[in-house]
Amino acid sequence: MKKLLLLTTLVIISTVPFVSADMYVPEFDKMQILKCDINETVYNQDNSVVTKTSYHRFFRLDDENKKLYLQKEPVDTSYYDNDKISFKIQSMTDDFISTSDVEIDRNTKEYKSSSTIEYDNTMYGTRYGKATGICNFAN
């Protein structure tokens, strides 16, 4: 019984390097960096403007594997090709959950998104946002 347990342990330990060797490891230094300058407007349910914000995001494009990264965090894309990239971004804070549907037109380098912001406090209700921007390669 001890020999069987020892043999099983040795087989498991010896196969671990082979299993992990097949994992995909992104090569960020070889990817193009797309910097998007974005202007976003957030609206109340009655369409009144709550806030206007300008910010930028850095995306890394792995065209070979059709993968997208926000900074170095993988993004789950619904469409990735030479003409456009479509994806969802979800962020959470202590106060709200924001879900954005984003599309980057790779030909015109335009960024467009629509967001839904659901607050924990019912006083704020559900707000929505619209964003547009221009993207350029940073490298």
C-alpha atoms as a PDB file:
ATOM      1  CA  MET A   1       0.000   0.000   0.000  1.00  0.00           C
ATOM      2  CA  LYS A   2       2.858   2.364   0.849  1.00  0.00           C
ATOM      3  CA  LYS A   3       4.556   1.579  -2.471  1.00  0.00           C
ATOM      4  CA  LEU A   4       1.351   2.354  -4.375  1.00  0.00           C
ATOM      5  CA  LEU A   5       0.948   5.668  -2.567  1.00  0.00           C
ATOM      6  CA  LEU A   6       4.591   6.560  -3.211  1.00  0.00           C
ATOM      7  CA  LEU A   7       4.318   5.600  -6.894  1.00  0.00           C
ATOM      8  CA  THR A   8       1.116   7.646  -7.318  1.00  0.00           C
ATOM      9  CA  THR A   9       2.742  10.673  -5.684  1.00  0.00           C
ATOM     10  CA  LEU A  10       5.794  10.410  -7.947  1.00  0.00           C
ATOM     11  CA  VAL A  11       3.613  10.199 -11.079  1.00  0.00           C
ATOM     12  CA  ILE A  12       1.598  13.262 -10.051  1.00  0.00           C
ATOM     13  CA  ILE A  13       4.691  15.293  -9.195  1.00  0.00           C
ATOM     14  CA  SER A  14       6.464  14.327 -12.413  1.00  0.00           C
ATOM     15  CA  THR A  15       3.508  15.353 -14.643  1.00  0.00           C
ATOM     16  CA  VAL A  16       3.042  18.845 -13.177  1.00  0.00           C
ATOM     17  CA  PRO A  17       5.819  20.501 -15.255  1.00  0.00           C
ATOM     18  CA  PHE A  18       4.362  19.060 -18.477  1.00  0.00           C
ATOM     19  CA  VAL A  19       0.851  20.262 -17.701  1.00  0.00           C
ATOM     20  CA  SER A  20       1.923  23.804 -16.857  1.00  0.00           C
ATOM     21  CA  ALA A  21       4.242  24.004 -19.881  1.00  0.00           C
ATOM     22  CA  ASP A  22       1.254  24.110 -22.243  1.00  0.00           C
ATOM     23  CA  MET A  23      -0.349  27.154 -20.587  1.00  0.00           C
ATOM     24  CA  TYR A  24      -0.612  30.355 -22.649  1.00  0.00           C
ATOM     25  CA  VAL A  25       1.612  33.121 -21.321  1.00  0.00           C
ATOM     26  CA  PRO A  26       1.003  36.573 -22.819  1.00  0.00           C
ATOM     27  CA  GLU A  27       4.035  38.395 -24.206  1.00  0.00           C
ATOM     28  CA  PHE A  28       3.075  41.974 -23.344  1.00  0.00           C
ATOM     29  CA  ASP A  29       6.295  43.472 -24.701  1.00  0.00           C
ATOM     30  CA  LYS A  30       5.355  42.285 -28.224  1.00  0.00           C
ATOM     31  CA  MET A  31       1.785  43.643 -28.158  1.00  0.00           C
ATOM     32  CA  GLN A  32       0.579  46.924 -29.593  1.00  0.00           C
ATOM     33  CA  ILE A  33      -0.646  49.417 -26.992  1.00  0.00           C
ATOM     34  CA  LEU A  34      -3.820  51.291 -27.857  1.00  0.00           C
ATOM     35  CA  LYS A  35      -4.411  54.464 -25.809  1.00  0.00           C
ATOM     36  CA  CYS A  36      -8.029  55.637 -25.860  1.00  0.00           C
ATOM     37  CA  ASP A  37      -8.922  59.181 -24.744  1.00  0.00           C
ATOM     38  CA  ILE A  38     -12.556  58.971 -23.624  1.00  0.00           C
ATOM     39  CA  ASN A  39     -15.291  61.497 -22.763  1.00  0.00           C
ATOM     40  CA  GLU A  40     -18.194  60.035 -20.797  1.00  0.00           C
ATOM     41  CA  THR A  41     -21.514  61.569 -19.740  1.00  0.00           C
ATOM     42  CA  VAL A  42     -23.613  59.958 -17.000  1.00  0.00           C
ATOM     43  CA  TYR A  43     -27.379  60.571 -16.950  1.00  0.00           C
ATOM     44  CA  ASN A  44     -30.175  60.160 -14.384  1.00  0.00           C
ATOM     45  CA  GLN A  45     -33.313  58.215 -15.246  1.00  0.00           C
ATOM     46  CA  ASP A  46     -34.976  61.498 -16.329  1.00  0.00           C
ATOM     47  CA  ASN A  47     -32.115  62.135 -18.841  1.00  0.00           C
ATOM     48  CA  SER A  48     -30.632  64.976 -16.786  1.00  0.00           C
ATOM     49  CA  VAL A  49     -26.818  65.080 -16.812  1.00  0.00           C
ATOM     50  CA  VAL A  50     -25.174  63.897 -13.585  1.00  0.00           C
ATOM     51  CA  THR A  51     -21.537  64.280 -14.581  1.00  0.00           C
ATOM     52  CA  LYS A  52     -19.150  64.553 -17.491  1.00  0.00           C
ATOM     53  CA  THR A  53     -15.777  62.875 -17.190  1.00  0.00           C
ATOM     54  CA  SER A  54     -12.666  62.593 -19.356  1.00  0.00           C
ATOM     55  CA  TYR A  55     -10.247  59.707 -18.884  1.00  0.00           C
ATOM     56  CA  HIS A  56      -8.029  57.377 -20.848  1.00  0.00           C
ATOM     57  CA  ARG A  57      -7.507  53.638 -20.996  1.00  0.00           C
ATOM     58  CA  PHE A  58      -4.590  51.587 -22.252  1.00  0.00           C
ATOM     59  CA  PHE A  59      -5.412  48.383 -24.095  1.00  0.00           C
ATOM     60  CA  ARG A  60      -2.894  45.788 -25.221  1.00  0.00           C
ATOM     61  CA  LEU A  61      -3.758  44.018 -28.468  1.00  0.00           C
ATOM     62  CA  ASP A  62      -2.691  40.435 -29.081  1.00  0.00           C
ATOM     63  CA  ASP A  63      -3.798  40.078 -32.723  1.00  0.00           C
ATOM     64  CA  GLU A  64      -2.156  36.687 -33.140  1.00  0.00           C
ATOM     65  CA  ASN A  65      -4.289  35.111 -30.401  1.00  0.00           C
ATOM     66  CA  LYS A  66      -7.232  37.556 -30.715  1.00  0.00           C
ATOM     67  CA  LYS A  67      -6.953  38.605 -27.087  1.00  0.00           C
ATOM     68  CA  LEU A  68      -7.412  42.019 -25.489  1.00  0.00           C
ATOM     69  CA  TYR A  69      -5.990  43.293 -22.221  1.00  0.00           C
ATOM     70  CA  LEU A  70      -6.925  46.374 -20.198  1.00  0.00           C
ATOM     71  CA  GLN A  71      -3.484  47.305 -18.923  1.00  0.00           C
ATOM     72  CA  LYS A  72      -2.402  43.676 -18.331  1.00  0.00           C
ATOM     73  CA  GLU A  73      -5.784  42.321 -17.218  1.00  0.00           C
ATOM     74  CA  PRO A  74      -7.522  40.039 -19.750  1.00  0.00           C
ATOM     75  CA  VAL A  75     -10.809  41.310 -21.206  1.00  0.00           C
ATOM     76  CA  ASP A  76     -13.516  38.912 -22.336  1.00  0.00           C
ATOM     77  CA  THR A  77     -14.172  39.940 -25.932  1.00  0.00           C
ATOM     78  CA  SER A  78     -17.336  39.066 -27.833  1.00  0.00           C
ATOM     79  CA  TYR A  79     -15.792  40.038 -31.205  1.00  0.00           C
ATOM     80  CA  TYR A  80     -12.152  40.570 -32.172  1.00  0.00           C
ATOM     81  CA  ASP A  81     -11.064  41.100 -35.762  1.00  0.00           C
ATOM     82  CA  ASN A  82      -9.318  43.582 -38.052  1.00  0.00           C
ATOM     83  CA  ASP A  83     -12.375  45.861 -38.354  1.00  0.00           C
ATOM     84  CA  LYS A  84     -13.519  46.154 -34.732  1.00  0.00           C
ATOM     85  CA  ILE A  85     -13.282  44.853 -31.188  1.00  0.00           C
ATOM     86  CA  SER A  86     -16.394  44.438 -29.003  1.00  0.00           C
ATOM     87  CA  PHE A  87     -16.378  43.585 -25.317  1.00  0.00           C
ATOM     88  CA  LYS A  88     -17.968  44.157 -21.915  1.00  0.00           C
ATOM     89  CA  ILE A  89     -16.317  45.752 -18.916  1.00  0.00           C
ATOM     90  CA  GLN A  90     -17.770  45.411 -15.446  1.00  0.00           C
ATOM     91  CA  SER A  91     -16.511  47.295 -12.425  1.00  0.00           C
ATOM     92  CA  MET A  92     -17.671  47.273  -8.835  1.00  0.00           C
ATOM     93  CA  THR A  93     -17.182  49.641  -5.941  1.00  0.00           C
ATOM     94  CA  ASP A  94     -18.673  49.771  -2.467  1.00  0.00           C
ATOM     95  CA  ASP A  95     -21.539  51.872  -3.881  1.00  0.00           C
ATOM     96  CA  PHE A  96     -22.376  50.570  -7.358  1.00  0.00           C
ATOM     97  CA  ILE A  97     -21.879  48.051 -10.157  1.00  0.00           C
ATOM     98  CA  SER A  98     -21.178  49.436 -13.627  1.00  0.00           C
ATOM     99  CA  THR A  99     -21.515  47.363 -16.788  1.00  0.00           C
ATOM    100  CA  SER A 100     -20.316  48.808 -20.105  1.00  0.00           C
ATOM    101  CA  ASP A 101     -20.743  47.511 -23.645  1.00  0.00           C
ATOM    102  CA  VAL A 102     -17.740  48.798 -25.601  1.00  0.00           C
ATOM    103  CA  GLU A 103     -16.839  48.841 -29.269  1.00  0.00           C
ATOM    104  CA  ILE A 104     -13.562  50.029 -30.780  1.00  0.00           C
ATOM    105  CA  ASP A 105     -13.636  50.601 -34.541  1.00  0.00           C
ATOM    106  CA  ARG A 106     -10.141  49.652 -35.645  1.00  0.00           C
ATOM    107  CA  ASN A 107     -10.408  51.485 -38.974  1.00  0.00           C
ATOM    108  CA  THR A 108     -11.483  54.894 -37.635  1.00  0.00           C
ATOM    109  CA  LYS A 109     -10.014  54.312 -34.138  1.00  0.00           C
ATOM    110  CA  GLU A 110     -13.299  55.434 -32.543  1.00  0.00           C
ATOM    111  CA  TYR A 111     -14.281  54.261 -29.061  1.00  0.00           C
ATOM    112  CA  LYS A 112     -17.990  54.003 -28.168  1.00  0.00           C
ATOM    113  CA  SER A 113     -19.634  52.629 -25.070  1.00  0.00           C
ATOM    114  CA  SER A 114     -22.938  52.569 -23.250  1.00  0.00           C
ATOM    115  CA  SER A 115     -23.070  51.844 -19.535  1.00  0.00           C
ATOM    116  CA  THR A 116     -25.587  50.921 -16.880  1.00  0.00           C
ATOM    117  CA  ILE A 117     -24.794  51.953 -13.310  1.00  0.00           C
ATOM    118  CA  GLU A 118     -26.749  50.213 -10.554  1.00  0.00           C
ATOM    119  CA  TYR A 119     -26.378  51.740  -7.084  1.00  0.00           C
ATOM    120  CA  ASP A 120     -26.757  49.950  -3.767  1.00  0.00           C
ATOM    121  CA  ASN A 121     -28.679  52.957  -2.438  1.00  0.00           C
ATOM    122  CA  THR A 122     -32.120  53.049  -4.092  1.00  0.00           C
ATOM    123  CA  MET A 123     -32.174  56.835  -3.751  1.00  0.00           C
ATOM    124  CA  TYR A 124     -29.846  57.053  -6.776  1.00  0.00           C
ATOM    125  CA  GLY A 125     -31.774  54.556  -8.864  1.00  0.00           C
ATOM    126  CA  THR A 126     -30.187  53.223 -12.023  1.00  0.00           C
ATOM    127  CA  ARG A 127     -28.128  55.624 -14.100  1.00  0.00           C
ATOM    128  CA  TYR A 128     -26.709  55.213 -17.550  1.00  0.00           C
ATOM    129  CA  GLY A 129     -23.727  56.559 -19.398  1.00  0.00           C
ATOM    130  CA  LYS A 130     -22.602  57.177 -22.946  1.00  0.00           C
ATOM    131  CA  ALA A 131     -18.945  57.519 -23.902  1.00  0.00           C
ATOM    132  CA  THR A 132     -17.061  58.338 -27.062  1.00  0.00           C
ATOM    133  CA  GLY A 133     -13.371  58.631 -27.702  1.00  0.00           C
ATOM    134  CA  ILE A 134     -10.451  58.432 -30.048  1.00  0.00           C
ATOM    135  CA  CYS A 135      -7.764  55.743 -29.835  1.00  0.00           C
ATOM    136  CA  ASN A 136      -4.168  55.917 -31.052  1.00  0.00           C
ATOM    137  CA  PHE A 137      -1.280  53.516 -30.852  1.00  0.00           C
ATOM    138  CA  ALA A 138       1.129  54.440 -28.051  1.00  0.00           C
ATOM    139  CA  ASN A 139       4.054  52.347 -29.356  1.00  0.00           C
END
